[in-house]
Amino acid sequence: MTSRAPELEQQAVEYARRGDFGPSARDLNEELTRLSPANAGAWTRLARCCLELGQLEQATAALDAALQLNPQNTIARNLQAEVTRRRMPPPAPASPRARRAASQDPAPRPARSRSSATAPIALDRSIFTTLGHLSSTAALEALGPRIEPLLMALNDRPFAGKVVEARNRAAQAGYVLFRRNSIETGGEGHVHAFHYGGRWEPQLNIGIFAAPQWGQDCVRAGIGFNLTPAGRDADPEAGQLRALAYFERMQQLVGSSWRQLLATWMSANGGFIQYGGNRPAIDMLPTDAIEWLTKLQNPIETGWVFCGRWLFANRADHASTLTDGRQLLAWFEQTFNDLLPLWMTVYRKDQGL
């Protein structure tokens, strides 16, 4: 601390003891963070002041700093949960007419079209902050309702209908690409979703990752293979063998007719592979990534193999897409449209279609 910082610290603590988190306390703690950037307590108090004053963006930034200094800061984590709660829009109050109807035995209502029931959502900073600083369970509870509209919007896209049709022709159940409550936790700092019924198939997979655990905030979309035996199925061993057969077919295609096509697509679209529990292999050129895919000898031991497109929040052009709901929806749609022929070839060949 500088020579002036101890005095400011004492004053800031006194404000906190009195429960005063108003403008004066905010200015004091803000000054203290400038003088002593490593003071986690000052960042936490600043966040509390901003929260009380309704300055949610500033509170988020202060909490980021506090948790970077001390990831075990439980006060900051609790404040982060409160910021997330306050960001959630309140439910619309029911009209008197609706309340009266709800108290009676209502007649069946015509189903709304999915396009009118869903709207594109952005993956803004608050999504990644929540994911990075809450426990996996708490993050899933907080973010599931916010991310799900994206999946519902993708259900309306033509590529989704083609996937569902291919699966139905293979006697697989399902009438939508993504069912509700499809979002799952992949551990701290990671949530993901894959198409309905796709646990042991080449997954059309979406993943969201947060910086504290993964080095940077990022999003993926593409084709993934979960080759681990874990699952809720009655016969996970058979499921694992099925997933392995799909992956081996993928290796054959990528090693032959799809080699140049996929390399060109990855080069032009920010495509990277991911495997095991690792971050995306951004240091691998597309040709090297494809070589790795085709030569992998122990896929079951690797457990997870993914090939697809990525957005990184620390890149200005990517951040622009992430924070614009329409652009983001279009990005997901184009990614799956581009990879759909490869997915169809892998899936249909194994199914004998």
Protein backbone atom coordinates (compact mmCIF):
# COMPACT_ATOMS: atom_id res chain seq x y z
CA MET A 1 0.00 0.00 0.00
CA THR A 2 1.05 3.63 -0.46
CA SER A 3 1.44 5.88 2.59
CA ARG A 4 -2.14 7.16 2.14
CA ALA A 5 -3.73 3.75 1.62
CA PRO A 6 -3.80 2.62 5.30
CA GLU A 7 -5.85 5.66 6.27
CA LEU A 8 -8.30 5.07 3.42
CA GLU A 9 -8.52 1.40 4.35
CA GLN A 10 -9.50 2.26 7.91
CA GLN A 11 -12.17 4.69 6.70
CA ALA A 12 -13.52 2.14 4.20
CA VAL A 13 -13.78 -0.53 6.89
CA GLU A 14 -15.65 1.91 9.13
CA TYR A 15 -18.14 2.61 6.35
CA ALA A 16 -18.68 -1.13 5.94
CA ARG A 17 -19.15 -1.67 9.69
CA ARG A 18 -21.87 0.97 9.71
CA GLY A 19 -23.53 -0.69 6.73
CA ASP A 20 -22.94 2.42 4.64
CA PHE A 21 -22.37 1.44 0.99
CA GLY A 22 -23.45 4.72 -0.55
CA PRO A 23 -21.67 7.08 -2.96
CA SER A 24 -19.05 8.23 -0.45
CA ALA A 25 -18.09 4.67 0.42
CA ARG A 26 -17.98 3.82 -3.27
CA ASP A 27 -15.63 6.72 -4.07
CA LEU A 28 -13.42 5.83 -1.13
CA ASN A 29 -13.05 2.19 -2.11
CA GLU A 30 -12.56 3.10 -5.77
CA GLU A 31 -9.67 5.36 -4.80
CA LEU A 32 -8.27 2.61 -2.60
CA THR A 33 -8.28 0.11 -5.50
CA ARG A 34 -6.30 2.62 -7.58
CA LEU A 35 -3.72 3.04 -4.84
CA SER A 36 -3.62 -0.65 -3.94
CA PRO A 37 -4.79 -2.85 -6.85
CA ALA A 38 -3.98 -6.05 -4.94
CA ASN A 39 -6.36 -5.20 -2.08
CA ALA A 40 -9.09 -7.82 -2.52
CA GLY A 41 -11.11 -6.37 0.35
CA ALA A 42 -11.31 -2.99 -1.34
CA TRP A 43 -12.51 -4.58 -4.59
CA THR A 44 -15.13 -6.55 -2.69
CA ARG A 45 -16.40 -3.49 -0.84
CA LEU A 46 -16.44 -1.52 -4.08
CA ALA A 47 -18.55 -4.25 -5.65
CA ARG A 48 -20.99 -4.12 -2.73
CA CYS A 49 -21.31 -0.34 -3.09
CA CYS A 50 -21.91 -0.59 -6.83
CA LEU A 51 -24.48 -3.31 -6.26
CA GLU A 52 -26.36 -1.21 -3.70
CA LEU A 53 -26.30 1.74 -6.09
CA GLY A 54 -27.67 -0.38 -8.95
CA GLN A 55 -24.43 -0.20 -10.96
CA LEU A 56 -24.34 -3.83 -12.02
CA GLU A 57 -21.67 -3.54 -14.72
CA GLN A 58 -19.28 -1.81 -12.32
CA ALA A 59 -20.09 -4.37 -9.64
CA THR A 60 -19.29 -7.18 -12.07
CA ALA A 61 -15.93 -5.62 -12.95
CA ALA A 62 -15.02 -5.17 -9.28
CA LEU A 63 -16.00 -8.75 -8.48
CA ASP A 64 -13.87 -9.99 -11.36
CA ALA A 65 -10.89 -8.25 -9.83
CA ALA A 66 -11.64 -9.49 -6.31
CA LEU A 67 -12.02 -13.10 -7.42
CA GLN A 68 -8.91 -12.98 -9.56
CA LEU A 69 -7.00 -12.01 -6.43
CA ASN A 70 -8.75 -14.60 -4.25
CA PRO A 71 -10.95 -17.22 -5.95
CA GLN A 72 -12.05 -18.46 -2.50
CA ASN A 73 -13.57 -15.09 -1.55
CA THR A 74 -16.99 -16.29 -0.41
CA ILE A 75 -18.33 -12.77 0.09
CA ALA A 76 -17.50 -11.92 -3.50
CA ARG A 77 -19.05 -15.15 -4.74
CA ASN A 78 -22.25 -14.40 -2.86
CA LEU A 79 -22.31 -10.89 -4.29
CA GLN A 80 -21.83 -12.36 -7.76
CA ALA A 81 -24.87 -14.56 -7.26
CA GLU A 82 -26.84 -11.49 -6.21
CA VAL A 83 -25.71 -9.59 -9.32
CA THR A 84 -26.89 -12.51 -11.44
CA ARG A 85 -30.23 -12.59 -9.66
CA ARG A 86 -30.78 -8.89 -10.20
CA ARG A 87 -29.99 -9.23 -13.89
CA MET A 88 -32.79 -11.75 -14.34
CA PRO A 89 -35.96 -10.05 -15.58
CA PRO A 90 -38.88 -10.36 -13.14
CA PRO A 91 -41.79 -12.52 -14.26
CA ALA A 92 -44.63 -10.57 -15.78
CA PRO A 93 -47.58 -10.31 -13.39
CA ALA A 94 -50.63 -12.25 -14.46
CA SER A 95 -53.62 -10.21 -15.50
CA PRO A 96 -56.88 -10.56 -13.51
CA ARG A 97 -58.36 -12.42 -16.45
CA ALA A 98 -55.44 -14.85 -16.57
CA ARG A 99 -55.66 -15.44 -12.82
CA ARG A 100 -59.36 -16.23 -13.11
CA ALA A 101 -58.70 -18.61 -15.99
CA ALA A 102 -55.95 -20.35 -14.08
CA SER A 103 -58.32 -21.08 -11.22
CA GLN A 104 -60.65 -22.92 -13.59
CA ASP A 105 -60.14 -26.00 -15.72
CA PRO A 106 -58.66 -24.39 -18.81
CA ALA A 107 -59.39 -25.55 -22.34
CA PRO A 108 -56.39 -26.77 -24.31
CA ARG A 109 -54.54 -23.91 -25.96
CA PRO A 110 -53.11 -24.07 -29.44
CA ALA A 111 -49.37 -24.49 -29.39
CA ARG A 112 -47.37 -21.38 -30.10
CA SER A 113 -45.03 -21.51 -33.01
CA ARG A 114 -41.49 -21.95 -31.82
CA SER A 115 -40.36 -18.90 -33.74
CA SER A 116 -42.71 -16.68 -31.73
CA ALA A 117 -41.79 -18.33 -28.43
CA THR A 118 -38.04 -17.89 -28.73
CA ALA A 119 -35.74 -14.95 -29.28
CA PRO A 120 -31.99 -14.83 -29.88
CA ILE A 121 -29.94 -14.17 -26.78
CA ALA A 122 -26.47 -12.73 -26.36
CA LEU A 123 -23.64 -14.29 -24.41
CA ASP A 124 -22.50 -11.14 -22.70
CA ARG A 125 -19.94 -10.61 -20.00
CA SER A 126 -22.35 -11.46 -17.21
CA ILE A 127 -22.79 -15.00 -18.58
CA PHE A 128 -19.08 -15.72 -18.46
CA THR A 129 -18.62 -14.04 -15.08
CA THR A 130 -21.40 -16.09 -13.53
CA LEU A 131 -20.04 -19.27 -15.05
CA GLY A 132 -16.55 -18.56 -13.83
CA HIS A 133 -17.32 -17.58 -10.27
CA LEU A 134 -20.21 -19.76 -9.14
CA SER A 135 -20.07 -23.44 -8.34
CA SER A 136 -20.98 -25.71 -11.26
CA THR A 137 -24.42 -26.42 -9.80
CA ALA A 138 -25.20 -22.79 -8.99
CA ALA A 139 -23.96 -21.64 -12.39
CA LEU A 140 -26.17 -24.16 -14.16
CA GLU A 141 -29.20 -23.03 -12.16
CA ALA A 142 -28.49 -19.38 -12.91
CA LEU A 143 -27.58 -19.71 -16.57
CA GLY A 144 -29.80 -22.54 -17.80
CA PRO A 145 -32.91 -20.34 -18.23
CA ARG A 146 -30.82 -17.62 -19.89
CA ILE A 147 -29.12 -19.87 -22.44
CA GLU A 148 -32.03 -22.18 -23.25
CA PRO A 149 -33.77 -19.67 -25.59
CA LEU A 150 -30.76 -19.98 -27.88
CA LEU A 151 -31.32 -23.73 -28.19
CA MET A 152 -35.03 -23.22 -28.79
CA ALA A 153 -34.27 -20.70 -31.54
CA LEU A 154 -31.90 -23.17 -33.22
CA ASN A 155 -34.74 -25.72 -33.28
CA ASP A 156 -36.49 -23.49 -35.82
CA ARG A 157 -33.60 -23.52 -38.28
CA PRO A 158 -33.73 -25.78 -41.38
CA PHE A 159 -30.60 -27.72 -40.46
CA ALA A 160 -32.28 -28.83 -37.22
CA GLY A 161 -35.17 -30.40 -39.11
CA LYS A 162 -32.73 -32.29 -41.35
CA VAL A 163 -30.97 -33.77 -38.32
CA VAL A 164 -34.26 -34.81 -36.73
CA GLU A 165 -35.41 -36.38 -40.01
CA ALA A 166 -32.17 -38.35 -40.37
CA ARG A 167 -32.50 -39.67 -36.83
CA ASN A 168 -36.18 -40.56 -37.30
CA ARG A 169 -35.32 -42.51 -40.45
CA ALA A 170 -32.85 -44.44 -38.32
CA ALA A 171 -35.71 -45.26 -35.91
CA GLN A 172 -34.42 -42.83 -33.28
CA ALA A 173 -36.95 -40.88 -31.22
CA GLY A 174 -37.27 -37.11 -31.15
CA TYR A 175 -39.07 -34.31 -32.91
CA VAL A 176 -36.78 -31.38 -32.04
CA LEU A 177 -33.03 -30.96 -32.11
CA PHE A 178 -32.73 -29.67 -28.55
CA ARG A 179 -35.21 -30.47 -25.82
CA ARG A 180 -35.75 -28.19 -22.87
CA ASN A 181 -33.38 -28.67 -19.93
CA SER A 182 -30.69 -29.93 -22.32
CA ILE A 183 -28.00 -27.72 -20.79
CA GLU A 184 -25.63 -29.63 -18.51
CA THR A 185 -22.62 -28.78 -16.42
CA GLY A 186 -19.24 -30.01 -17.57
CA GLY A 187 -17.59 -29.08 -14.29
CA GLU A 188 -16.38 -25.75 -12.95
CA GLY A 189 -16.50 -23.02 -15.57
CA HIS A 190 -18.18 -25.09 -18.27
CA VAL A 191 -21.72 -25.77 -19.47
CA HIS A 192 -22.70 -27.57 -22.66
CA ALA A 193 -25.57 -29.07 -24.61
CA PHE A 194 -25.86 -31.67 -27.35
CA HIS A 195 -28.73 -32.69 -29.58
CA TYR A 196 -31.52 -34.85 -28.15
CA GLY A 197 -30.59 -38.52 -28.19
CA GLY A 198 -27.01 -37.73 -29.13
CA ARG A 199 -25.12 -39.06 -26.12
CA TRP A 200 -23.61 -41.95 -28.09
CA GLU A 201 -23.82 -40.28 -31.51
CA PRO A 202 -21.65 -37.69 -33.24
CA GLN A 203 -22.91 -34.82 -31.12
CA LEU A 204 -23.99 -31.48 -32.48
CA ASN A 205 -22.44 -29.81 -29.48
CA ILE A 206 -22.45 -26.32 -27.97
CA GLY A 207 -20.09 -25.42 -25.14
CA ILE A 208 -19.49 -22.29 -23.08
CA PHE A 209 -16.30 -21.84 -21.05
CA ALA A 210 -15.21 -19.25 -18.47
CA ALA A 211 -11.79 -17.71 -18.06
CA PRO A 212 -10.86 -18.61 -14.46
CA GLN A 213 -10.81 -22.32 -15.30
CA TRP A 214 -10.12 -22.22 -19.06
CA GLY A 215 -7.77 -19.29 -19.54
CA GLN A 216 -10.28 -17.24 -21.51
CA ASP A 217 -13.99 -16.87 -22.09
CA CYS A 218 -14.99 -18.81 -25.18
CA VAL A 219 -17.80 -20.63 -26.97
CA ARG A 220 -17.69 -23.68 -29.24
CA ALA A 221 -20.06 -25.21 -31.79
CA GLY A 222 -19.43 -28.29 -33.86
CA ILE A 223 -19.21 -32.08 -33.81
CA GLY A 224 -18.08 -33.85 -30.65
CA PHE A 225 -17.59 -37.45 -29.56
CA ASN A 226 -17.98 -38.39 -25.90
CA LEU A 227 -16.15 -41.70 -25.74
CA THR A 228 -16.30 -42.16 -21.97
CA PRO A 229 -18.55 -44.88 -20.50
CA ALA A 230 -20.25 -42.49 -18.07
CA GLY A 231 -23.95 -42.06 -18.67
CA ARG A 232 -27.45 -42.76 -17.43
CA ASP A 233 -28.14 -45.39 -20.09
CA ALA A 234 -28.98 -48.95 -19.16
CA ASP A 235 -26.06 -50.30 -21.25
CA PRO A 236 -23.24 -47.73 -21.30
CA GLU A 237 -20.75 -50.28 -22.63
CA ALA A 238 -22.80 -50.76 -25.79
CA GLY A 239 -23.25 -47.01 -26.05
CA GLN A 240 -19.51 -46.43 -25.78
CA LEU A 241 -18.86 -48.92 -28.58
CA ARG A 242 -21.45 -47.16 -30.71
CA ALA A 243 -19.78 -43.78 -30.15
CA LEU A 244 -16.41 -45.32 -30.97
CA ALA A 245 -17.76 -46.71 -34.27
CA TYR A 246 -18.98 -43.24 -35.22
CA PHE A 247 -15.63 -41.72 -34.35
CA GLU A 248 -13.71 -44.28 -36.39
CA ARG A 249 -15.96 -43.45 -39.34
CA MET A 250 -15.17 -39.76 -38.78
CA GLN A 251 -11.46 -40.59 -38.83
CA GLN A 252 -11.85 -42.40 -42.17
CA LEU A 253 -13.69 -39.50 -43.77
CA VAL A 254 -11.36 -36.83 -42.42
CA GLY A 255 -8.39 -38.87 -43.59
CA SER A 256 -9.71 -39.15 -47.14
CA SER A 257 -12.51 -37.27 -48.91
CA TRP A 258 -12.96 -34.65 -46.20
CA ARG A 259 -9.30 -33.89 -45.49
CA GLN A 260 -8.90 -30.80 -47.68
CA LEU A 261 -12.50 -29.64 -47.28
CA LEU A 262 -12.30 -29.64 -43.50
CA ALA A 263 -8.83 -28.05 -43.42
CA THR A 264 -10.02 -25.23 -45.66
CA TRP A 265 -13.16 -24.70 -43.58
CA MET A 266 -11.19 -24.62 -40.32
CA SER A 267 -8.72 -22.10 -41.74
CA ALA A 268 -11.49 -19.78 -42.92
CA ASN A 269 -13.80 -20.06 -39.90
CA GLY A 270 -11.73 -20.19 -36.74
CA GLY A 271 -11.91 -23.97 -36.46
CA PHE A 272 -9.96 -25.89 -33.83
CA ILE A 273 -10.03 -29.32 -32.29
CA GLN A 274 -10.36 -30.04 -28.58
CA TYR A 275 -9.61 -33.31 -26.83
CA GLY A 276 -9.64 -34.78 -23.35
CA GLY A 277 -10.14 -32.10 -20.75
CA ASN A 278 -7.91 -29.65 -22.57
CA ARG A 279 -8.53 -26.19 -23.91
CA PRO A 280 -9.00 -25.76 -27.66
CA ALA A 281 -5.78 -26.59 -29.50
CA ILE A 282 -5.30 -23.07 -30.88
CA ASP A 283 -1.60 -23.70 -31.45
CA MET A 284 -2.39 -26.44 -33.99
CA LEU A 285 -2.69 -25.53 -37.67
CA PRO A 286 -5.74 -27.07 -39.38
CA THR A 287 -3.62 -29.53 -41.34
CA ASP A 288 -1.87 -30.63 -38.15
CA ALA A 289 -5.21 -30.90 -36.33
CA ILE A 290 -6.61 -33.15 -39.05
CA GLU A 291 -3.47 -35.26 -38.97
CA TRP A 292 -3.91 -35.63 -35.21
CA LEU A 293 -7.55 -36.69 -35.66
CA THR A 294 -6.76 -39.32 -38.26
CA LYS A 295 -3.78 -40.77 -36.35
CA LEU A 296 -5.37 -40.94 -32.89
CA GLN A 297 -4.90 -44.52 -31.72
CA ASN A 298 -6.46 -44.38 -28.27
CA PRO A 299 -9.74 -42.44 -28.58
CA ILE A 300 -11.37 -44.17 -25.60
CA GLU A 301 -8.48 -43.15 -23.36
CA THR A 302 -8.70 -39.61 -24.73
CA GLY A 303 -12.39 -39.57 -23.79
CA TRP A 304 -13.55 -36.43 -25.60
CA VAL A 305 -12.77 -35.33 -29.16
CA PHE A 306 -14.30 -32.24 -30.77
CA CYS A 307 -13.89 -30.45 -34.08
CA GLY A 308 -15.64 -27.16 -34.70
CA ARG A 309 -15.71 -23.42 -34.57
CA TRP A 310 -14.83 -21.13 -31.65
CA LEU A 311 -15.50 -17.60 -30.47
CA PHE A 312 -13.11 -15.97 -28.00
CA ALA A 313 -14.42 -13.06 -25.95
CA ASN A 314 -11.02 -11.34 -25.79
CA ARG A 315 -11.10 -10.76 -29.55
CA ALA A 316 -13.01 -7.64 -30.53
CA ASP A 317 -14.63 -9.16 -33.63
CA HIS A 318 -15.69 -12.27 -31.71
CA ALA A 319 -16.97 -10.21 -28.77
CA SER A 320 -19.15 -8.25 -31.20
CA THR A 321 -20.78 -11.50 -32.30
CA LEU A 322 -21.17 -12.83 -28.77
CA THR A 323 -22.95 -9.73 -27.55
CA ASP A 324 -25.34 -9.42 -30.51
CA GLY A 325 -28.09 -12.01 -30.23
CA ARG A 326 -28.92 -12.05 -33.94
CA GLN A 327 -25.32 -12.32 -35.02
CA LEU A 328 -24.69 -15.07 -32.49
CA LEU A 329 -27.69 -17.09 -33.64
CA ALA A 330 -26.55 -16.70 -37.25
CA TRP A 331 -23.04 -17.84 -36.25
CA PHE A 332 -24.38 -21.03 -34.68
CA GLU A 333 -26.66 -21.67 -37.64
CA GLN A 334 -23.90 -21.24 -40.19
CA THR A 335 -21.52 -23.43 -38.19
CA PHE A 336 -23.98 -26.32 -38.08
CA ASN A 337 -25.03 -25.75 -41.69
CA ASP A 338 -21.39 -25.99 -42.79
CA LEU A 339 -20.76 -29.17 -40.80
CA LEU A 340 -24.09 -30.82 -41.55
CA PRO A 341 -22.87 -32.72 -44.67
CA LEU A 342 -20.03 -34.23 -42.64
CA TRP A 343 -22.36 -35.11 -39.77
CA MET A 344 -24.87 -36.69 -42.19
CA THR A 345 -22.18 -38.78 -43.84
CA VAL A 346 -20.86 -40.07 -40.53
CA TYR A 347 -24.33 -40.74 -39.14
CA ARG A 348 -25.99 -42.25 -42.20
CA LYS A 349 -23.09 -44.53 -43.09
CA ASP A 350 -23.16 -46.12 -39.65
CA GLN A 351 -26.94 -46.41 -39.80
CA GLY A 352 -26.86 -47.98 -43.26
CA LEU A 353 -29.02 -45.18 -44.72
